[in-house]
Structure formats: structure tokens, C-alpha cells
PDB file of N, CA and C in Angstrom:
ATOM      1  N   MET A   1       1.558   9.191  15.894  1.00  0.00           N
ATOM      2  CA  MET A   1       0.446   9.169  14.987  1.00  0.00           C
ATOM      3  C   MET A   1       0.593  10.337  14.012  1.00  0.00           C
ATOM      4  N   THR A   2       0.312  10.083  12.750  1.00  0.00           N
ATOM      5  CA  THR A   2       0.421  11.113  11.731  1.00  0.00           C
ATOM      6  C   THR A   2      -0.929  11.329  11.072  1.00  0.00           C
ATOM      7  N   TYR A   3      -1.280  12.568  10.873  1.00  0.00           N
ATOM      8  CA  TYR A   3      -2.506  12.951  10.187  1.00  0.00           C
ATOM      9  C   TYR A   3      -2.111  13.913   9.092  1.00  0.00           C
ATOM     10  N   LYS A   4      -2.481  13.595   7.866  1.00  0.00           N
ATOM     11  CA  LYS A   4      -2.064  14.428   6.745  1.00  0.00           C
ATOM     12  C   LYS A   4      -3.293  14.742   5.899  1.00  0.00           C
ATOM     13  N   LYS A   5      -3.495  16.015   5.627  1.00  0.00           N
ATOM     14  CA  LYS A   5      -4.627  16.445   4.819  1.00  0.00           C
ATOM     15  C   LYS A   5      -4.252  17.736   4.117  1.00  0.00           C
ATOM     16  N   THR A   6      -4.710  17.909   2.884  1.00  0.00           N
ATOM     17  CA  THR A   6      -4.439  19.116   2.123  1.00  0.00           C
ATOM     18  C   THR A   6      -5.594  20.094   2.303  1.00  0.00           C
ATOM     19  N   TYR A   7      -5.263  21.332   2.599  1.00  0.00           N
ATOM     20  CA  TYR A   7      -6.256  22.381   2.803  1.00  0.00           C
ATOM     21  C   TYR A   7      -6.051  23.490   1.776  1.00  0.00           C
ATOM     22  N   GLU A   8      -7.127  24.178   1.449  1.00  0.00           N
ATOM     23  CA  GLU A   8      -7.025  25.345   0.588  1.00  0.00           C
ATOM     24  C   GLU A   8      -6.834  26.578   1.473  1.00  0.00           C
ATOM     25  N   VAL A   9      -5.920  27.462   1.083  1.00  0.00           N
ATOM     26  CA  VAL A   9      -5.678  28.692   1.828  1.00  0.00           C
ATOM     27  C   VAL A   9      -6.748  29.703   1.415  1.00  0.00           C
ATOM     28  N   LYS A  10      -7.421  30.265   2.407  1.00  0.00           N
ATOM     29  CA  LYS A  10      -8.490  31.239   2.157  1.00  0.00           C
ATOM     30  C   LYS A  10      -7.894  32.624   1.917  1.00  0.00           C
ATOM     31  N   GLU A  11      -8.747  33.567   1.524  1.00  0.00           N
ATOM     32  CA  GLU A  11      -8.294  34.922   1.210  1.00  0.00           C
ATOM     33  C   GLU A  11      -7.619  35.614   2.392  1.00  0.00           C
ATOM     34  N   ASN A  12      -8.059  35.303   3.609  1.00  0.00           N
ATOM     35  CA  ASN A  12      -7.470  35.947   4.784  1.00  0.00           C
ATOM     36  C   ASN A  12      -6.162  35.292   5.230  1.00  0.00           C
ATOM     37  N   ASN A  13      -5.695  34.307   4.458  1.00  0.00           N
ATOM     38  CA  ASN A  13      -4.422  33.633   4.705  1.00  0.00           C
ATOM     39  C   ASN A  13      -4.407  32.859   6.023  1.00  0.00           C
ATOM     40  N   GLN A  14      -5.575  32.326   6.440  1.00  0.00           N
ATOM     41  CA  GLN A  14      -5.673  31.563   7.673  1.00  0.00           C
ATOM     42  C   GLN A  14      -6.240  30.178   7.389  1.00  0.00           C
ATOM     43  N   LEU A  15      -5.874  29.242   8.256  1.00  0.00           N
ATOM     44  CA  LEU A  15      -6.403  27.880   8.195  1.00  0.00           C
ATOM     45  C   LEU A  15      -7.026  27.537   9.544  1.00  0.00           C
ATOM     46  N   ILE A  16      -8.132  26.817   9.495  1.00  0.00           N
ATOM     47  CA  ILE A  16      -8.715  26.240  10.707  1.00  0.00           C
ATOM     48  C   ILE A  16      -8.682  24.741  10.504  1.00  0.00           C
ATOM     49  N   ILE A  17      -7.984  24.049  11.393  1.00  0.00           N
ATOM     50  CA  ILE A  17      -7.788  22.611  11.247  1.00  0.00           C
ATOM     51  C   ILE A  17      -8.572  21.894  12.337  1.00  0.00           C
ATOM     52  N   ASP A  18      -9.531  21.085  11.931  1.00  0.00           N
ATOM     53  CA  ASP A  18     -10.266  20.238  12.860  1.00  0.00           C
ATOM     54  C   ASP A  18      -9.534  18.905  12.958  1.00  0.00           C
ATOM     55  N   LEU A  19      -9.014  18.607  14.133  1.00  0.00           N
ATOM     56  CA  LEU A  19      -8.253  17.378  14.327  1.00  0.00           C
ATOM     57  C   LEU A  19      -9.186  16.191  14.538  1.00  0.00           C
ATOM     58  N   PRO A  20      -8.768  15.001  14.103  1.00  0.00           N
ATOM     59  CA  PRO A  20      -9.568  13.793  14.329  1.00  0.00           C
ATOM     60  C   PRO A  20      -9.639  13.452  15.822  1.00  0.00           C
ATOM     61  N   ASP A  21     -10.588  12.615  16.176  1.00  0.00           N
ATOM     62  CA  ASP A  21     -10.802  12.237  17.576  1.00  0.00           C
ATOM     63  C   ASP A  21      -9.563  11.614  18.225  1.00  0.00           C
ATOM     64  N   GLN A  22      -8.699  10.969  17.453  1.00  0.00           N
ATOM     65  CA  GLN A  22      -7.512  10.327  18.010  1.00  0.00           C
ATOM     66  C   GLN A  22      -6.579  11.334  18.687  1.00  0.00           C
ATOM     67  N   PHE A  23      -6.750  12.610  18.394  1.00  0.00           N
ATOM     68  CA  PHE A  23      -5.866  13.627  18.953  1.00  0.00           C
ATOM     69  C   PHE A  23      -6.447  14.296  20.197  1.00  0.00           C
ATOM     70  N   LYS A  24      -7.595  13.866  20.674  1.00  0.00           N
ATOM     71  CA  LYS A  24      -8.244  14.513  21.819  1.00  0.00           C
ATOM     72  C   LYS A  24      -7.377  14.506  23.073  1.00  0.00           C
ATOM     73  N   THR A  25      -6.606  13.462  23.270  1.00  0.00           N
ATOM     74  CA  THR A  25      -5.794  13.357  24.480  1.00  0.00           C
ATOM     75  C   THR A  25      -4.404  13.976  24.325  1.00  0.00           C
ATOM     76  N   LYS A  26      -4.075  14.447  23.149  1.00  0.00           N
ATOM     77  CA  LYS A  26      -2.742  15.000  22.895  1.00  0.00           C
ATOM     78  C   LYS A  26      -2.656  16.443  23.369  1.00  0.00           C
ATOM     79  N   LYS A  27      -1.532  16.796  23.946  1.00  0.00           N
ATOM     80  CA  LYS A  27      -1.305  18.152  24.452  1.00  0.00           C
ATOM     81  C   LYS A  27      -0.533  19.013  23.452  1.00  0.00           C
ATOM     82  N   LYS A  28       0.254  18.355  22.588  1.00  0.00           N
ATOM     83  CA  LYS A  28       1.037  19.073  21.586  1.00  0.00           C
ATOM     84  C   LYS A  28       0.980  18.320  20.265  1.00  0.00           C
ATOM     85  N   VAL A  29       0.978  19.075  19.170  1.00  0.00           N
ATOM     86  CA  VAL A  29       1.090  18.506  17.835  1.00  0.00           C
ATOM     87  C   VAL A  29       2.049  19.372  17.033  1.00  0.00           C
ATOM     88  N   MET A  30       2.639  18.802  16.004  1.00  0.00           N
ATOM     89  CA  MET A  30       3.536  19.552  15.137  1.00  0.00           C
ATOM     90  C   MET A  30       2.806  19.842  13.828  1.00  0.00           C
ATOM     91  N   VAL A  31       2.849  21.090  13.413  1.00  0.00           N
ATOM     92  CA  VAL A  31       2.221  21.496  12.163  1.00  0.00           C
ATOM     93  C   VAL A  31       3.331  21.920  11.212  1.00  0.00           C
ATOM     94  N   ILE A  32       3.349  21.333  10.016  1.00  0.00           N
ATOM     95  CA  ILE A  32       4.333  21.676   8.989  1.00  0.00           C
ATOM     96  C   ILE A  32       3.560  22.212   7.792  1.00  0.00           C
ATOM     97  N   ILE A  33       3.924  23.388   7.338  1.00  0.00           N
ATOM     98  CA  ILE A  33       3.262  24.002   6.191  1.00  0.00           C
ATOM     99  C   ILE A  33       4.141  23.775   4.961  1.00  0.00           C
ATOM    100  N   GLU A  34       3.556  23.140   3.950  1.00  0.00           N
ATOM    101  CA  GLU A  34       4.293  22.828   2.727  1.00  0.00           C
ATOM    102  C   GLU A  34       3.486  23.329   1.540  1.00  0.00           C
ATOM    103  N   ASP A  35       4.145  24.034   0.656  1.00  0.00           N
ATOM    104  CA  ASP A  35       3.493  24.542  -0.549  1.00  0.00           C
ATOM    105  C   ASP A  35       3.323  23.386  -1.534  1.00  0.00           C
ATOM    106  N   ILE A  36       2.093  23.169  -1.990  1.00  0.00           N
ATOM    107  CA  ILE A  36       1.811  22.084  -2.928  1.00  0.00           C
ATOM    108  C   ILE A  36       1.168  22.696  -4.158  1.00  0.00           C
ATOM    109  N   ASP A  37       1.729  22.399  -5.321  1.00  0.00           N
ATOM    110  CA  ASP A  37       1.121  22.933  -6.529  1.00  0.00           C
ATOM    111  C   ASP A  37      -0.094  22.086  -6.940  1.00  0.00           C
ATOM    112  N   ASP A  38      -0.980  22.683  -7.689  1.00  0.00           N
ATOM    113  CA  ASP A  38      -2.236  22.025  -8.067  1.00  0.00           C
ATOM    114  C   ASP A  38      -2.004  20.747  -8.867  1.00  0.00           C
ATOM    115  N   GLU A  39      -0.961  20.718  -9.679  1.00  0.00           N
ATOM    116  CA  GLU A  39      -0.679  19.536 -10.489  1.00  0.00           C
ATOM    117  C   GLU A  39      -0.356  18.330  -9.600  1.00  0.00           C
ATOM    118  N   GLN A  40       0.410  18.558  -8.548  1.00  0.00           N
ATOM    119  CA  GLN A  40       0.754  17.479  -7.631  1.00  0.00           C
ATOM    120  C   GLN A  40      -0.494  16.975  -6.910  1.00  0.00           C
ATOM    121  N   VAL A  41      -1.367  17.869  -6.509  1.00  0.00           N
ATOM    122  CA  VAL A  41      -2.608  17.483  -5.836  1.00  0.00           C
ATOM    123  C   VAL A  41      -3.471  16.643  -6.775  1.00  0.00           C
ATOM    124  N   ASP A  42      -3.550  17.056  -8.043  1.00  0.00           N
ATOM    125  CA  ASP A  42      -4.328  16.292  -9.030  1.00  0.00           C
ATOM    126  C   ASP A  42      -3.766  14.882  -9.200  1.00  0.00           C
ATOM    127  N   LYS A  43      -2.449  14.758  -9.242  1.00  0.00           N
ATOM    128  CA  LYS A  43      -1.818  13.445  -9.388  1.00  0.00           C
ATOM    129  C   LYS A  43      -2.092  12.563  -8.177  1.00  0.00           C
ATOM    130  N   ILE A  44      -2.032  13.137  -6.990  1.00  0.00           N
ATOM    131  CA  ILE A  44      -2.303  12.374  -5.766  1.00  0.00           C
ATOM    132  C   ILE A  44      -3.745  11.890  -5.757  1.00  0.00           C
ATOM    133  N   ASN A  45      -4.668  12.752  -6.180  1.00  0.00           N
ATOM    134  CA  ASN A  45      -6.075  12.353  -6.237  1.00  0.00           C
ATOM    135  C   ASN A  45      -6.296  11.219  -7.244  1.00  0.00           C
ATOM    136  N   LEU A  46      -5.599  11.257  -8.370  1.00  0.00           N
ATOM    137  CA  LEU A  46      -5.701  10.169  -9.347  1.00  0.00           C
ATOM    138  C   LEU A  46      -5.160   8.861  -8.774  1.00  0.00           C
ATOM    139  N   LEU A  47      -4.068   8.941  -8.014  1.00  0.00           N
ATOM    140  CA  LEU A  47      -3.516   7.735  -7.386  1.00  0.00           C
ATOM    141  C   LEU A  47      -4.487   7.158  -6.362  1.00  0.00           C
ATOM    142  N   LYS A  48      -5.166   8.026  -5.626  1.00  0.00           N
ATOM    143  CA  LYS A  48      -6.155   7.557  -4.657  1.00  0.00           C
ATOM    144  C   LYS A  48      -7.305   6.846  -5.360  1.00  0.00           C
ATOM    145  N   LYS A  49      -7.745   7.387  -6.504  1.00  0.00           N
ATOM    146  CA  LYS A  49      -8.807   6.741  -7.271  1.00  0.00           C
ATOM    147  C   LYS A  49      -8.344   5.401  -7.820  1.00  0.00           C
ATOM    148  N   ALA A  50      -7.091   5.328  -8.249  1.00  0.00           N
ATOM    149  CA  ALA A  50      -6.560   4.096  -8.831  1.00  0.00           C
ATOM    150  C   ALA A  50      -6.558   2.962  -7.819  1.00  0.00           C
ATOM    151  N   SER A  51      -6.394   3.281  -6.550  1.00  0.00           N
ATOM    152  CA  SER A  51      -6.339   2.229  -5.536  1.00  0.00           C
ATOM    153  C   SER A  51      -7.655   1.480  -5.396  1.00  0.00           C
ATOM    154  N   ASN A  52      -8.729   2.010  -5.956  1.00  0.00           N
ATOM    155  CA  ASN A  52     -10.024   1.331  -5.943  1.00  0.00           C
ATOM    156  C   ASN A  52     -10.475   0.884  -7.337  1.00  0.00           C
ATOM    157  N   ASP A  53      -9.661   1.135  -8.339  1.00  0.00           N
ATOM    158  CA  ASP A  53     -10.018   0.807  -9.719  1.00  0.00           C
ATOM    159  C   ASP A  53      -9.842  -0.691  -9.964  1.00  0.00           C
ATOM    160  N   PRO A  54     -10.896  -1.392 -10.407  1.00  0.00           N
ATOM    161  CA  PRO A  54     -10.808  -2.845 -10.610  1.00  0.00           C
ATOM    162  C   PRO A  54      -9.728  -3.264 -11.615  1.00  0.00           C
ATOM    163  N   LEU A  55      -9.563  -2.521 -12.700  1.00  0.00           N
ATOM    164  CA  LEU A  55      -8.530  -2.873 -13.686  1.00  0.00           C
ATOM    165  C   LEU A  55      -7.133  -2.704 -13.103  1.00  0.00           C
ATOM    166  N   PHE A  56      -6.926  -1.629 -12.360  1.00  0.00           N
ATOM    167  CA  PHE A  56      -5.635  -1.407 -11.717  1.00  0.00           C
ATOM    168  C   PHE A  56      -5.333  -2.522 -10.724  1.00  0.00           C
ATOM    169  N   LEU A  57      -6.319  -2.862  -9.907  1.00  0.00           N
ATOM    170  CA  LEU A  57      -6.122  -3.925  -8.912  1.00  0.00           C
ATOM    171  C   LEU A  57      -5.863  -5.269  -9.572  1.00  0.00           C
ATOM    172  N   ALA A  58      -6.520  -5.522 -10.712  1.00  0.00           N
ATOM    173  CA  ALA A  58      -6.277  -6.768 -11.451  1.00  0.00           C
ATOM    174  C   ALA A  58      -4.845  -6.800 -11.984  1.00  0.00           C
ATOM    175  N   ASP A  59      -4.360  -5.665 -12.488  1.00  0.00           N
ATOM    176  CA  ASP A  59      -2.980  -5.591 -12.971  1.00  0.00           C
ATOM    177  C   ASP A  59      -1.983  -5.854 -11.845  1.00  0.00           C
ATOM    178  N   ILE A  60      -2.231  -5.272 -10.691  1.00  0.00           N
ATOM    179  CA  ILE A  60      -1.348  -5.473  -9.543  1.00  0.00           C
ATOM    180  C   ILE A  60      -1.352  -6.937  -9.114  1.00  0.00           C
ATOM    181  N   ALA A  61      -2.519  -7.554  -9.101  1.00  0.00           N
ATOM    182  CA  ALA A  61      -2.616  -8.972  -8.733  1.00  0.00           C
ATOM    183  C   ALA A  61      -1.846  -9.837  -9.730  1.00  0.00           C
ATOM    184  N   GLU A  62      -1.962  -9.510 -11.021  1.00  0.00           N
ATOM    185  CA  GLU A  62      -1.249 -10.275 -12.051  1.00  0.00           C
ATOM    186  C   GLU A  62       0.266 -10.135 -11.896  1.00  0.00           C
ATOM    187  N   ILE A  63       0.726  -8.932 -11.638  1.00  0.00           N
ATOM    188  CA  ILE A  63       2.162  -8.706 -11.449  1.00  0.00           C
ATOM    189  C   ILE A  63       2.655  -9.439 -10.203  1.00  0.00           C
ATOM    190  N   SER A  64       1.872  -9.396  -9.137  1.00  0.00           N
ATOM    191  CA  SER A  64       2.249 -10.102  -7.909  1.00  0.00           C
ATOM    192  C   SER A  64       2.356 -11.596  -8.151  1.00  0.00           C
ATOM    193  N   ALA A  65       1.433 -12.136  -8.930  1.00  0.00           N
ATOM    194  CA  ALA A  65       1.467 -13.567  -9.250  1.00  0.00           C
ATOM    195  C   ALA A  65       2.700 -13.909 -10.077  1.00  0.00           C
ATOM    196  N   ASP A  66       3.071 -13.027 -10.998  1.00  0.00           N
ATOM    197  CA  ASP A  66       4.258 -13.254 -11.821  1.00  0.00           C
ATOM    198  C   ASP A  66       5.528 -13.351 -10.983  1.00  0.00           C
ATOM    199  N   PHE A  67       5.605 -12.584  -9.911  1.00  0.00           N
ATOM    200  CA  PHE A  67       6.812 -12.551  -9.093  1.00  0.00           C
ATOM    201  C   PHE A  67       6.733 -13.463  -7.870  1.00  0.00           C
ATOM    202  N   GLU A  68       5.612 -14.143  -7.681  1.00  0.00           N
ATOM    203  CA  GLU A  68       5.444 -14.966  -6.497  1.00  0.00           C
ATOM    204  C   GLU A  68       6.504 -16.056  -6.389  1.00  0.00           C
ATOM    205  N   SER A  69       6.803 -16.742  -7.501  1.00  0.00           N
ATOM    206  CA  SER A  69       7.799 -17.814  -7.439  1.00  0.00           C
ATOM    207  C   SER A  69       9.208 -17.268  -7.207  1.00  0.00           C
ATOM    208  N   ILE A  70       9.479 -16.089  -7.727  1.00  0.00           N
ATOM    209  CA  ILE A  70      10.801 -15.474  -7.537  1.00  0.00           C
ATOM    210  C   ILE A  70      10.978 -15.054  -6.085  1.00  0.00           C
ATOM    211  N   ASP A  71       9.910 -14.566  -5.464  1.00  0.00           N
ATOM    212  CA  ASP A  71       9.981 -14.120  -4.075  1.00  0.00           C
ATOM    213  C   ASP A  71      10.330 -15.281  -3.126  1.00  0.00           C
ATOM    214  N   LYS A  72       9.995 -16.484  -3.529  1.00  0.00           N
ATOM    215  CA  LYS A  72      10.240 -17.644  -2.655  1.00  0.00           C
ATOM    216  C   LYS A  72      11.656 -18.208  -2.808  1.00  0.00           C
ATOM    217  N   GLU A  73      12.377 -17.744  -3.815  1.00  0.00           N
ATOM    218  CA  GLU A  73      13.735 -18.254  -4.039  1.00  0.00           C
ATOM    219  C   GLU A  73      14.702 -17.681  -3.003  1.00  0.00           C
ATOM    220  N   LEU A  74      15.665 -18.497  -2.635  1.00  0.00           N
ATOM    221  CA  LEU A  74      16.722 -18.044  -1.731  1.00  0.00           C
ATOM    222  C   LEU A  74      17.904 -17.550  -2.555  1.00  0.00           C
ATOM    223  N   LEU A  75      18.502 -16.499  -2.132  1.00  0.00           N
ATOM    224  CA  LEU A  75      19.684 -15.985  -2.850  1.00  0.00           C
ATOM    225  C   LEU A  75      20.938 -16.588  -2.310  1.00  0.00           C
TER     226      LEU A  75
END
């Protein structure tokens, strides 16, 4: 199971991570610290918003329909 969340580093350079309930029975977890710049975080947040945007979803549906007949072809 993977849990991924971005945290802000506080002035004291410490993080407190509250794990989801799915981890209650786990005895060990792996923590990886990765430096993320603010621009990348902003882009990820925009992508998350796009996944609920009606125009974006309509575009994806249209593209999927365009390729539907090609997907059924045998090579």
C-alpha cells in the first residue's frame, strides 16, 4: 500500500505525519524525503483540479471516442 502526501517543512525542520487508518496494523513503513519545488506542486494541484473539470472530461471522452475504432483493430 502506498500513501503519498506533500507536507510543508516547519521552522524547526520537523514533520509530524498522521497515517491513515489502513496503516494501523502495519509494524514498519518506509519514509522517503524528496525535495519538491513550489512550481511542481502548483502543477500537480492544477492537474488534480483538471480531473474534475467538465470541459477537460468532455475533451478526454471525445478523444477516447476518436480512437475507439482503432483500439478494436488487430495488428
